[in-house]
Amino acid sequence: MKLMRVGEPGQEKPAALDSEGKVRDLSGHVDDIAGKALTNAGIAELQALDLATLPELPHGRIGACVGHVGKFICIGLNYADHAAEAGMEVPPEPVMFMKATSAICGPNDDVIVPRGSDKCDWEVELGVIIGDGGAYIDEADAMNHVAGYCVINDISERTFQLERAGQWVKGKSADTFGPIGPWLVTRDEVPDPQNLSLWLEVDGARHQNGSTQTMVYGVQHLVHYVSQFMSLRPGDVISTGTPPGVGMGLKPQKWLHGGEMMRLGIEGLGEQTQQVKTYGQ
């Protein structure tokens, strides 16, 4: 099932994409694609609906595919080839950092280069949306805690992230630095999240062209691992890292300054398109 949220910012309606590509209104059944609606029981109730009987919504703005996100957790250096291009060692266990939830935006919303930025970068990533929550989740049971998957562009400002004092979070958290969607594809439609192609283009030039096969730590381990340090709750997002081809790794390096168009996608999970603008534009 492909779940989505449509409407202007702050006014998104919960919806599903039917087999004919029509957007069907779920607001008569759930308040949002969030919380209890994402648990195993909640997903089962949505999957039991006859979408053809639900009101059709116009194809308008698409919001982030999950609402009321409590935690936006990111995994760094999770592709060996990306670690190599960044000149960093493959970590002995997952590198975790947080991205502010205020960075979340729709998959096709404008991306805004923040004030003082000179090294704004892109990162296509597989997103994991938590369904049933829990702490200290057994690795063997971890996939039962996944509601579904989505496309994420983990926009990064490398100067803020790497060249100024402090942790990575301030280079990851500017407004619009977290496009999510277009869909939350339920886990039953993604039988093997470790076998998905993912790619990203800037102004038509493809820079990232990878596969989740090369992730160092897979989805099952990551859900287990993160839960050892914090409880996971329905609607929490885990962004699982990026393959090589980011601007920082190119020779010469390439950065987003405004005016560029990004396009990215993951096999079976849809595509995003973002116009890059400068702050105040």
Protein backbone atom coordinates (compact mmCIF):
# COMPACT_ATOMS: atom_id res chain seq x y z
CA MET A 1 0.00 0.00 0.00
CA LYS A 2 1.26 3.50 -0.85
CA LEU A 3 0.31 5.98 1.87
CA MET A 4 0.75 9.72 1.41
CA ARG A 5 -0.28 13.13 2.65
CA VAL A 6 -1.59 15.78 0.28
CA GLY A 7 -2.39 19.46 0.70
CA GLU A 8 -0.72 22.70 1.66
CA PRO A 9 1.78 22.75 4.55
CA GLY A 10 0.00 22.17 7.84
CA GLN A 11 -3.22 21.18 6.06
CA GLU A 12 -2.24 17.82 4.59
CA LYS A 13 -4.87 15.10 4.34
CA PRO A 14 -4.04 11.41 4.79
CA ALA A 15 -4.39 9.55 1.51
CA ALA A 16 -3.48 6.41 -0.40
CA LEU A 17 -2.53 5.88 -4.01
CA ASP A 18 -4.79 3.29 -5.63
CA SER A 19 -3.88 0.80 -8.36
CA GLU A 20 -4.93 3.28 -11.06
CA GLY A 21 -2.77 6.08 -9.69
CA LYS A 22 -5.71 7.97 -8.16
CA VAL A 23 -5.26 9.66 -4.79
CA ARG A 24 -7.88 8.43 -2.33
CA ASP A 25 -8.89 10.35 0.79
CA LEU A 26 -8.32 8.43 4.05
CA SER A 27 -9.44 11.24 6.37
CA GLY A 28 -12.70 9.45 7.10
CA HIS A 29 -10.71 6.62 8.66
CA VAL A 30 -7.55 8.14 10.16
CA ASP A 31 -6.58 11.64 11.26
CA ASP A 32 -3.13 11.43 9.71
CA ILE A 33 -0.45 9.05 8.47
CA ALA A 34 1.00 9.02 11.94
CA GLY A 35 0.90 7.36 15.34
CA LYS A 36 -1.48 4.41 15.71
CA ALA A 37 -2.26 4.39 11.99
CA LEU A 38 1.31 3.13 11.41
CA THR A 39 1.22 0.19 13.81
CA ASN A 40 0.74 -3.31 12.45
CA ALA A 41 -2.91 -3.17 13.49
CA GLY A 42 -3.38 0.29 11.99
CA ILE A 43 -1.81 -0.68 8.66
CA ALA A 44 -3.98 -3.82 8.53
CA GLU A 45 -7.12 -1.70 8.95
CA LEU A 46 -6.08 0.59 6.11
CA GLN A 47 -5.21 -2.34 3.86
CA ALA A 48 -8.70 -3.78 4.43
CA LEU A 49 -10.34 -0.69 2.93
CA ASP A 50 -11.74 -0.73 -0.60
CA LEU A 51 -9.90 2.30 -1.95
CA ALA A 52 -12.19 2.52 -4.98
CA THR A 53 -15.06 3.51 -2.68
CA LEU A 54 -13.19 6.43 -1.09
CA PRO A 55 -13.36 10.05 -2.31
CA GLU A 56 -10.75 11.02 -4.89
CA LEU A 57 -8.46 13.95 -4.13
CA PRO A 58 -6.88 16.19 -6.75
CA HIS A 59 -3.21 15.75 -7.58
CA GLY A 60 -1.83 18.76 -5.74
CA ARG A 61 1.07 19.37 -3.40
CA ILE A 62 2.42 16.24 -1.73
CA GLY A 63 3.53 16.61 1.87
CA ALA A 64 5.96 14.46 3.79
CA CYS A 65 4.54 10.94 3.78
CA VAL A 66 4.47 10.70 7.59
CA GLY A 67 3.17 13.30 10.03
CA HIS A 68 4.00 14.24 13.62
CA VAL A 69 7.47 12.70 13.45
CA GLY A 70 8.91 12.34 16.94
CA LYS A 71 12.48 11.44 16.01
CA PHE A 72 14.43 11.86 12.77
CA ILE A 73 17.40 9.53 13.22
CA CYS A 74 20.18 9.32 10.64
CA ILE A 75 22.92 6.77 10.06
CA GLY A 76 26.24 8.10 8.78
CA LEU A 77 28.87 6.41 6.62
CA ASN A 78 26.67 3.37 6.06
CA TYR A 79 27.89 2.62 2.54
CA ALA A 80 31.51 1.49 2.34
CA ASP A 81 32.06 3.25 -0.99
CA HIS A 82 30.65 6.52 0.37
CA ALA A 83 32.91 6.31 3.43
CA ALA A 84 35.85 5.91 1.06
CA GLU A 85 34.92 8.98 -1.00
CA ALA A 86 34.58 10.97 2.24
CA GLY A 87 38.04 9.81 3.32
CA MET A 88 36.65 8.16 6.45
CA GLU A 89 36.90 4.65 7.86
CA VAL A 90 33.93 2.28 7.78
CA PRO A 91 32.65 2.54 11.37
CA PRO A 92 32.83 -0.54 13.64
CA GLU A 93 29.16 0.02 14.53
CA PRO A 94 26.49 2.35 13.13
CA VAL A 95 27.14 6.09 13.42
CA MET A 96 23.96 7.74 14.70
CA PHE A 97 23.00 11.39 14.66
CA MET A 98 19.76 13.34 14.76
CA LYS A 99 18.22 15.68 12.23
CA ALA A 100 15.75 18.29 13.47
CA THR A 101 12.15 17.40 12.67
CA SER A 102 11.67 21.03 11.56
CA ALA A 103 13.83 20.13 8.52
CA ILE A 104 11.06 17.85 7.21
CA CYS A 105 9.26 19.00 4.07
CA GLY A 106 7.41 17.56 1.11
CA PRO A 107 9.25 15.55 -1.54
CA ASN A 108 8.85 18.23 -4.21
CA ASP A 109 9.08 21.35 -2.06
CA ASP A 110 11.84 23.87 -2.69
CA VAL A 111 15.14 23.25 -0.90
CA ILE A 112 16.49 26.45 0.63
CA VAL A 113 20.24 27.02 0.93
CA PRO A 114 20.68 28.63 4.37
CA ARG A 115 22.46 31.86 5.22
CA GLY A 116 26.24 31.50 5.35
CA SER A 117 26.24 28.27 3.35
CA ASP A 118 29.03 27.57 0.89
CA LYS A 119 29.00 23.75 0.78
CA CYS A 120 25.40 22.58 0.50
CA ASP A 121 25.18 18.93 -0.55
CA TRP A 122 22.72 16.18 -1.47
CA GLU A 123 22.25 12.58 -0.25
CA VAL A 124 19.62 10.15 -1.53
CA GLU A 125 18.71 7.71 1.25
CA LEU A 126 16.33 4.87 2.05
CA GLY A 127 14.02 5.94 4.85
CA VAL A 128 12.55 3.47 7.34
CA ILE A 129 9.31 4.43 9.10
CA ILE A 130 8.69 2.76 12.45
CA GLY A 131 5.32 1.10 13.02
CA ASP A 132 5.05 -0.77 16.31
CA GLY A 133 7.36 0.89 18.80
CA GLY A 134 9.67 -0.66 21.33
CA ALA A 135 12.98 -0.63 23.14
CA TYR A 136 15.70 -3.29 23.07
CA ILE A 137 14.13 -4.85 20.02
CA ASP A 138 15.47 -8.30 19.14
CA GLU A 139 17.19 -8.28 15.76
CA ALA A 140 15.17 -11.35 14.69
CA ASP A 141 11.94 -9.41 15.34
CA ALA A 142 13.09 -6.02 14.06
CA MET A 143 11.26 -6.09 10.73
CA ASN A 144 7.93 -6.49 12.53
CA HIS A 145 8.51 -2.97 13.86
CA VAL A 146 8.78 -1.42 10.39
CA ALA A 147 5.67 0.23 8.94
CA GLY A 148 7.25 0.91 5.58
CA TYR A 149 9.85 2.70 3.49
CA CYS A 150 10.29 5.99 1.65
CA VAL A 151 12.72 8.20 -0.24
CA ILE A 152 14.68 10.80 1.74
CA ASN A 153 17.04 13.51 0.53
CA ASP A 154 19.36 14.12 3.49
CA ILE A 155 20.46 17.62 2.52
CA SER A 156 23.70 18.61 4.29
CA GLU A 157 25.72 21.78 4.73
CA ARG A 158 29.28 20.45 4.92
CA THR A 159 30.91 23.56 6.37
CA PHE A 160 28.39 23.61 9.21
CA GLN A 161 28.67 19.82 9.61
CA LEU A 162 32.43 19.27 9.45
CA GLU A 163 34.35 22.53 9.69
CA ARG A 164 32.66 24.26 12.62
CA ALA A 165 32.77 23.14 16.23
CA GLY A 166 30.17 20.70 17.45
CA GLN A 167 28.23 17.74 16.16
CA TRP A 168 26.84 16.92 12.71
CA VAL A 169 23.27 17.92 13.60
CA LYS A 170 23.74 21.62 12.82
CA GLY A 171 24.88 20.83 9.29
CA LYS A 172 21.84 18.61 8.75
CA SER A 173 18.91 20.52 10.22
CA ALA A 174 18.17 23.69 8.26
CA ASP A 175 14.57 24.15 7.19
CA THR A 176 13.80 22.06 4.05
CA PHE A 177 16.83 19.80 4.61
CA GLY A 178 14.60 16.72 4.98
CA PRO A 179 12.34 16.04 1.97
CA ILE A 180 10.43 12.80 2.71
CA GLY A 181 8.17 10.87 0.33
CA PRO A 182 6.24 10.88 -1.96
CA TRP A 183 4.88 7.68 -0.46
CA LEU A 184 5.23 5.50 2.58
CA VAL A 185 5.29 2.09 0.90
CA THR A 186 4.21 -0.55 3.41
CA ARG A 187 6.74 -3.25 4.17
CA ASP A 188 4.73 -6.03 2.53
CA GLU A 189 5.39 -4.34 -0.83
CA VAL A 190 9.17 -4.21 -0.21
CA PRO A 191 10.15 -7.84 0.43
CA ASP A 192 13.89 -7.09 0.38
CA PRO A 193 14.94 -3.56 1.39
CA GLN A 194 18.56 -4.63 0.83
CA ASN A 195 18.07 -4.96 -2.91
CA LEU A 196 16.84 -1.56 -4.08
CA SER A 197 18.49 0.74 -6.60
CA LEU A 198 18.69 4.43 -5.67
CA TRP A 199 19.89 7.44 -7.63
CA LEU A 200 20.13 11.21 -7.68
CA GLU A 201 20.60 13.80 -10.43
CA VAL A 202 21.45 17.50 -10.35
CA ASP A 203 20.42 19.46 -13.44
CA GLY A 204 20.06 16.21 -15.35
CA ALA A 205 23.53 14.89 -14.49
CA ARG A 206 23.42 11.65 -12.53
CA HIS A 207 25.82 11.75 -9.59
CA GLN A 208 24.51 8.98 -7.33
CA ASN A 209 23.65 5.56 -8.73
CA GLY A 210 23.82 2.90 -6.04
CA SER A 211 22.10 -0.04 -4.40
CA THR A 212 21.07 -0.79 -0.86
CA GLN A 213 22.97 -4.05 -1.35
CA THR A 214 26.13 -2.16 -0.41
CA MET A 215 24.86 -0.87 2.94
CA VAL A 216 27.25 -1.80 5.73
CA TYR A 217 24.45 -2.23 8.27
CA GLY A 218 21.07 -3.33 6.92
CA VAL A 219 17.60 -2.23 7.96
CA GLN A 220 17.00 -5.16 10.30
CA HIS A 221 20.19 -4.49 12.25
CA LEU A 222 19.64 -0.73 12.33
CA VAL A 223 16.16 -0.98 13.88
CA HIS A 224 17.55 -3.34 16.51
CA TYR A 225 20.64 -1.20 17.08
CA VAL A 226 18.91 2.16 17.46
CA SER A 227 16.45 0.65 19.93
CA GLN A 228 19.31 -0.20 22.28
CA PHE A 229 19.83 3.52 22.94
CA MET A 230 16.31 4.99 22.75
CA SER A 231 12.79 3.68 22.47
CA LEU A 232 11.31 3.77 19.00
CA ARG A 233 7.77 5.00 18.50
CA PRO A 234 5.28 4.88 15.64
CA GLY A 235 6.23 7.42 12.99
CA ASP A 236 9.89 7.73 13.96
CA VAL A 237 12.10 7.95 10.88
CA ILE A 238 15.46 6.28 10.35
CA SER A 239 17.43 7.54 7.35
CA THR A 240 19.87 4.77 6.53
CA GLY A 241 22.81 6.47 4.78
CA THR A 242 23.79 7.35 1.23
CA PRO A 243 25.77 5.72 -1.59
CA PRO A 244 28.73 7.51 -3.24
CA GLY A 245 28.33 10.47 -5.56
CA VAL A 246 27.63 13.28 -3.11
CA GLY A 247 29.00 16.70 -3.98
CA MET A 248 31.71 16.47 -1.34
CA GLY A 249 33.10 13.33 -2.99
CA LEU A 250 33.22 14.60 -6.57
CA LYS A 251 36.44 15.81 -8.18
CA PRO A 252 36.18 18.74 -8.35
CA GLN A 253 33.67 19.07 -5.54
CA LYS A 254 30.22 20.39 -6.47
CA TRP A 255 27.88 22.31 -4.21
CA LEU A 256 24.32 23.61 -4.33
CA HIS A 257 24.19 27.41 -4.40
CA GLY A 258 20.67 28.01 -5.72
CA GLY A 259 19.12 27.62 -9.12
CA GLU A 260 19.77 23.89 -9.45
CA MET A 261 17.13 21.19 -9.90
CA MET A 262 17.50 17.90 -8.03
CA ARG A 263 15.74 14.70 -9.00
CA LEU A 264 16.09 11.46 -7.06
CA GLY A 265 14.36 8.16 -6.46
CA ILE A 266 14.45 4.64 -5.11
CA GLU A 267 13.18 1.56 -6.91
CA GLY A 268 9.50 1.02 -6.07
CA LEU A 269 9.36 3.98 -3.67
CA GLY A 270 8.84 6.85 -6.08
CA GLU A 271 10.73 10.00 -7.03
CA GLN A 272 11.34 13.49 -5.70
CA THR A 273 12.09 16.74 -7.56
CA GLN A 274 13.35 19.85 -5.79
CA GLN A 275 14.19 23.34 -7.00
CA VAL A 276 17.11 24.76 -5.02
CA LYS A 277 16.74 28.36 -3.89
CA THR A 278 18.73 30.68 -1.65
CA TYR A 279 17.47 31.92 1.70
CA GLY A 280 15.10 34.83 1.24
CA GLN A 281 14.56 34.18 -2.47
